[in-house]
């Protein structure tokens, strides 16, 4: 009887130990799972930081390129100014002569005290304006009959620096001034056909068009 009771006691102790070991194993598994989750979160964070670092490097490289391009442009302008100063001193150039040289050195045409560029290719209104702005100018603002005659004399369809902010027809020039007289709309125009304005050689006047249409354009550098 004593021996049997001893065996029962040993069995119970072994069972208790097994249960404790099972609990410890469960706790260890839980801890392992938690560590796995933390590891995965850390890996995700590391990956995100790597992406952010790469994006920052790309942005830094782009800014470096833009800076170098700006420096090159500045240096070129400095050289050009020095050259014009020298020409002015040696040849007694007038202010109009100096402006003409500045225009022609960039492929623009000097007329009436301003620089103009008429494209040979076609672009949308937005892309045309961007080309002008990239070349220190903007789409032409027609605020006089002389400018209207200049555009009409090209005998081409060209984008003008005039656009509407909505379909109600509140047109505004690219220099921020609202459309006032004089105006040179073609017959029956504007007809709400679009929000951007061209000179239409067939209609011999302004014509509103979809801004996504492709036209030649004329830039104006003041």
Protein backbone atom coordinates (compact mmCIF):
# COMPACT_ATOMS: atom_id res chain seq x y z
CA UNK A 1 0.00 0.00 0.00
CA UNK A 2 2.80 2.38 0.92
CA UNK A 3 4.59 1.57 -2.32
CA UNK A 4 1.41 2.24 -4.31
CA UNK A 5 0.89 5.57 -2.59
CA UNK A 6 4.50 6.49 -3.36
CA UNK A 7 3.97 5.76 -7.01
CA UNK A 8 0.84 7.91 -7.08
CA UNK A 9 2.72 10.75 -5.45
CA UNK A 10 5.57 10.48 -7.95
CA UNK A 11 3.08 10.41 -10.82
CA UNK A 12 1.32 13.49 -9.50
CA UNK A 13 4.64 15.33 -9.12
CA UNK A 14 5.63 14.33 -12.65
CA UNK A 15 2.26 15.52 -13.93
CA UNK A 16 2.68 18.86 -12.14
CA UNK A 17 6.16 19.23 -13.60
CA UNK A 18 4.85 18.38 -17.06
CA UNK A 19 2.07 20.96 -16.72
CA UNK A 20 4.58 23.60 -15.60
CA UNK A 21 6.86 22.75 -18.52
CA UNK A 22 3.87 23.01 -20.87
CA UNK A 23 3.04 26.43 -19.45
CA UNK A 24 6.66 27.51 -19.83
CA UNK A 25 6.68 26.23 -23.42
CA UNK A 26 3.45 28.15 -24.16
CA UNK A 27 4.91 31.29 -22.65
CA UNK A 28 8.09 30.80 -24.65
CA UNK A 29 6.06 30.33 -27.84
CA UNK A 30 4.05 33.45 -27.09
CA UNK A 31 7.23 35.41 -26.49
CA UNK A 32 8.71 34.02 -29.70
CA UNK A 33 5.62 35.07 -31.64
CA UNK A 34 5.77 38.54 -30.14
CA UNK A 35 9.45 38.81 -31.04
CA UNK A 36 8.63 37.67 -34.57
CA UNK A 37 5.98 40.38 -34.89
CA UNK A 38 8.40 42.98 -33.53
CA UNK A 39 11.06 41.76 -35.95
CA UNK A 40 8.67 42.04 -38.89
CA UNK A 41 7.64 45.53 -37.82
CA UNK A 42 11.29 46.50 -37.52
CA UNK A 43 11.98 45.10 -40.98
CA UNK A 44 9.05 47.06 -42.41
CA UNK A 45 10.28 50.22 -40.76
CA UNK A 46 13.79 49.55 -42.05
CA UNK A 47 12.43 49.04 -45.57
CA UNK A 48 10.40 52.25 -45.34
CA UNK A 49 13.45 54.16 -44.16
CA UNK A 50 15.44 52.69 -47.04
CA UNK A 51 12.79 53.88 -49.51
CA UNK A 52 12.72 57.33 -47.89
CA UNK A 53 16.51 57.46 -48.02
CA UNK A 54 16.53 56.55 -51.71
CA UNK A 55 13.85 59.14 -52.46
CA UNK A 56 15.84 61.75 -50.57
CA UNK A 57 18.98 60.81 -52.50
CA UNK A 58 17.09 61.08 -55.78
CA UNK A 59 15.71 64.47 -54.79
CA UNK A 60 19.19 65.60 -53.73
CA UNK A 61 20.62 64.46 -57.05
CA UNK A 62 17.87 66.25 -58.95
CA UNK A 63 18.46 69.44 -56.98
CA UNK A 64 22.16 69.13 -57.67
CA UNK A 65 21.46 68.85 -61.41
CA UNK A 66 19.09 71.82 -61.27
CA UNK A 67 21.66 73.81 -59.32
CA UNK A 68 24.36 73.02 -61.86
CA UNK A 69 22.06 73.96 -64.73
CA UNK A 70 21.20 77.23 -63.00
CA UNK A 71 24.89 77.92 -62.39
CA UNK A 72 25.64 77.23 -66.05
CA UNK A 73 22.82 79.56 -67.10
CA UNK A 74 24.04 82.23 -64.69
CA UNK A 75 27.59 81.90 -65.95
CA UNK A 76 26.41 82.12 -69.55
CA UNK A 77 24.38 85.22 -68.76
CA UNK A 78 27.35 86.75 -66.95
CA UNK A 79 29.53 86.14 -69.98
CA UNK A 80 26.83 87.55 -72.26
CA UNK A 81 26.45 90.67 -70.14
CA UNK A 82 30.21 91.18 -70.12
CA UNK A 83 30.32 90.73 -73.90
CA UNK A 84 27.52 93.23 -74.42
CA UNK A 85 29.16 95.72 -72.07
CA UNK A 86 32.35 95.40 -74.08
CA UNK A 87 30.47 95.83 -77.36
CA UNK A 88 28.61 98.79 -75.92
CA UNK A 89 31.88 100.42 -74.88
CA UNK A 90 33.66 99.74 -78.17
CA UNK A 91 30.83 100.34 -80.61
CA UNK A 92 28.78 102.92 -78.74
CA UNK A 93 25.69 100.68 -78.93
CA UNK A 94 22.34 102.14 -78.00
CA UNK A 95 19.98 100.50 -75.51
CA UNK A 96 17.88 99.25 -78.43
CA UNK A 97 20.97 97.65 -80.00
CA UNK A 98 21.76 95.90 -76.74
CA UNK A 99 18.21 94.56 -76.44
CA UNK A 100 18.33 93.32 -80.02
CA UNK A 101 21.56 91.41 -79.35
CA UNK A 102 20.05 89.85 -76.23
CA UNK A 103 17.00 88.74 -78.22
CA UNK A 104 18.86 87.34 -81.18
CA UNK A 105 21.41 85.50 -79.04
CA UNK A 106 18.53 83.34 -77.71
CA UNK A 107 16.84 82.84 -81.07
CA UNK A 108 14.22 85.54 -80.44
CA UNK A 109 13.33 88.39 -82.80
CA UNK A 110 13.49 92.00 -81.64
CA UNK A 111 10.48 94.11 -82.58
CA UNK A 112 8.99 97.24 -81.04
CA UNK A 113 11.29 97.10 -78.03
CA UNK A 114 10.32 93.51 -77.12
CA UNK A 115 11.61 90.03 -77.92
CA UNK A 116 9.37 87.53 -79.72
CA UNK A 117 9.71 83.88 -80.58
CA UNK A 118 7.44 82.08 -83.05
CA UNK A 119 7.59 78.29 -82.86
CA UNK A 120 7.91 75.90 -85.78
CA UNK A 121 6.47 72.96 -83.85
CA UNK A 122 3.08 72.52 -82.19
CA UNK A 123 2.18 71.89 -78.56
CA UNK A 124 -0.78 72.11 -76.21
CA UNK A 125 -1.47 75.50 -74.62
CA UNK A 126 0.09 74.46 -71.31
CA UNK A 127 3.18 72.94 -72.95
CA UNK A 128 3.55 75.99 -75.17
CA UNK A 129 3.46 78.29 -72.18
CA UNK A 130 5.94 76.10 -70.33
CA UNK A 131 8.35 76.34 -73.25
CA UNK A 132 8.12 80.12 -73.10
CA UNK A 133 8.64 80.18 -69.34
CA UNK A 134 11.63 77.88 -69.65
CA UNK A 135 13.09 80.49 -71.98
CA UNK A 136 12.54 83.54 -69.76
CA UNK A 137 9.37 84.66 -71.52
CA UNK A 138 5.62 83.96 -71.65
CA UNK A 139 2.87 83.60 -74.21
CA UNK A 140 2.12 86.91 -75.90
CA UNK A 141 -0.25 89.41 -74.26
CA UNK A 142 -2.10 91.44 -76.87
CA UNK A 143 -2.81 94.81 -75.29
CA UNK A 144 -2.48 97.01 -78.37
CA UNK A 145 -3.41 97.08 -82.05
CA UNK A 146 0.29 96.94 -82.92
CA UNK A 147 0.63 93.56 -81.24
CA UNK A 148 -2.55 92.30 -82.87
CA UNK A 149 -1.21 93.38 -86.27
CA UNK A 150 2.08 91.65 -85.48
CA UNK A 151 0.32 88.35 -84.77
CA UNK A 152 -2.04 88.72 -87.72
CA UNK A 153 0.94 89.36 -89.97
CA UNK A 154 2.31 85.89 -89.22
CA UNK A 155 -0.58 84.27 -91.12
CA UNK A 156 -0.43 81.31 -88.70
CA UNK A 157 -2.58 79.74 -86.01
CA UNK A 158 -0.76 80.45 -82.75
CA UNK A 159 -1.58 80.21 -79.08
CA UNK A 160 -2.04 83.51 -77.26
CA UNK A 161 -1.44 84.16 -73.57
CA UNK A 162 -5.17 84.31 -72.90
CA UNK A 163 -7.22 81.70 -71.08
CA UNK A 164 -10.48 81.39 -69.16
CA UNK A 165 -10.62 80.12 -65.59
CA UNK A 166 -14.08 78.64 -66.17
CA UNK A 167 -16.68 78.15 -68.87
CA UNK A 168 -18.40 81.40 -67.98
CA UNK A 169 -15.92 83.26 -70.17
CA UNK A 170 -13.92 85.22 -67.57
CA UNK A 171 -10.76 85.47 -69.67
CA UNK A 172 -7.45 86.58 -68.22
CA UNK A 173 -3.99 87.20 -69.67
CA UNK A 174 -0.97 85.27 -68.43
CA UNK A 175 0.45 88.41 -66.80
CA UNK A 176 -2.58 88.43 -64.48
CA UNK A 177 -4.54 91.23 -66.11
CA UNK A 178 -8.20 90.60 -66.97
CA UNK A 179 -9.34 90.81 -70.58
CA UNK A 180 -10.38 94.35 -71.43
CA UNK A 181 -10.64 96.32 -74.65
CA UNK A 182 -9.32 96.23 -77.24
CA UNK A 183 -10.42 92.72 -78.13
CA UNK A 184 -10.06 91.05 -81.49
CA UNK A 185 -12.43 88.10 -81.43
CA UNK A 186 -13.31 86.45 -84.71
CA UNK A 187 -16.88 86.39 -85.91
CA UNK A 188 -19.10 84.45 -83.49
CA UNK A 189 -16.30 84.08 -80.93
CA UNK A 190 -15.89 83.16 -78.18
CA UNK A 191 -18.30 80.26 -78.53
CA UNK A 192 -17.41 78.27 -75.40
CA UNK A 193 -15.48 75.75 -77.50
CA UNK A 194 -12.60 75.76 -75.04
CA UNK A 195 -10.79 77.66 -72.30
CA UNK A 196 -7.65 78.65 -74.22
CA UNK A 197 -7.36 81.23 -76.98
CA UNK A 198 -5.58 81.12 -80.32
CA UNK A 199 -5.25 83.51 -83.21
CA UNK A 200 -7.12 81.86 -86.07
CA UNK A 201 -5.78 82.99 -89.43
CA UNK A 202 -8.94 81.77 -91.22
CA UNK A 203 -11.23 83.71 -88.94
CA UNK A 204 -8.81 86.63 -88.80
CA UNK A 205 -9.28 86.95 -85.07
CA UNK A 206 -9.18 85.25 -81.71
CA UNK A 207 -10.82 81.87 -81.25
CA UNK A 208 -11.39 79.88 -78.05
CA UNK A 209 -10.14 76.30 -78.32
CA UNK A 210 -9.66 73.23 -76.08
CA UNK A 211 -6.35 73.67 -74.27
CA UNK A 212 -5.36 70.15 -75.30
CA UNK A 213 -5.32 71.12 -78.98
CA UNK A 214 -1.93 71.46 -80.67
CA UNK A 215 -0.88 74.81 -82.12
CA UNK A 216 2.22 76.80 -82.82
CA UNK A 217 2.79 79.56 -80.31
CA UNK A 218 4.40 82.97 -79.90
CA UNK A 219 6.44 83.94 -76.84
CA UNK A 220 6.99 87.46 -75.63
CA UNK A 221 9.92 88.56 -73.49
CA UNK A 222 9.42 91.94 -71.85
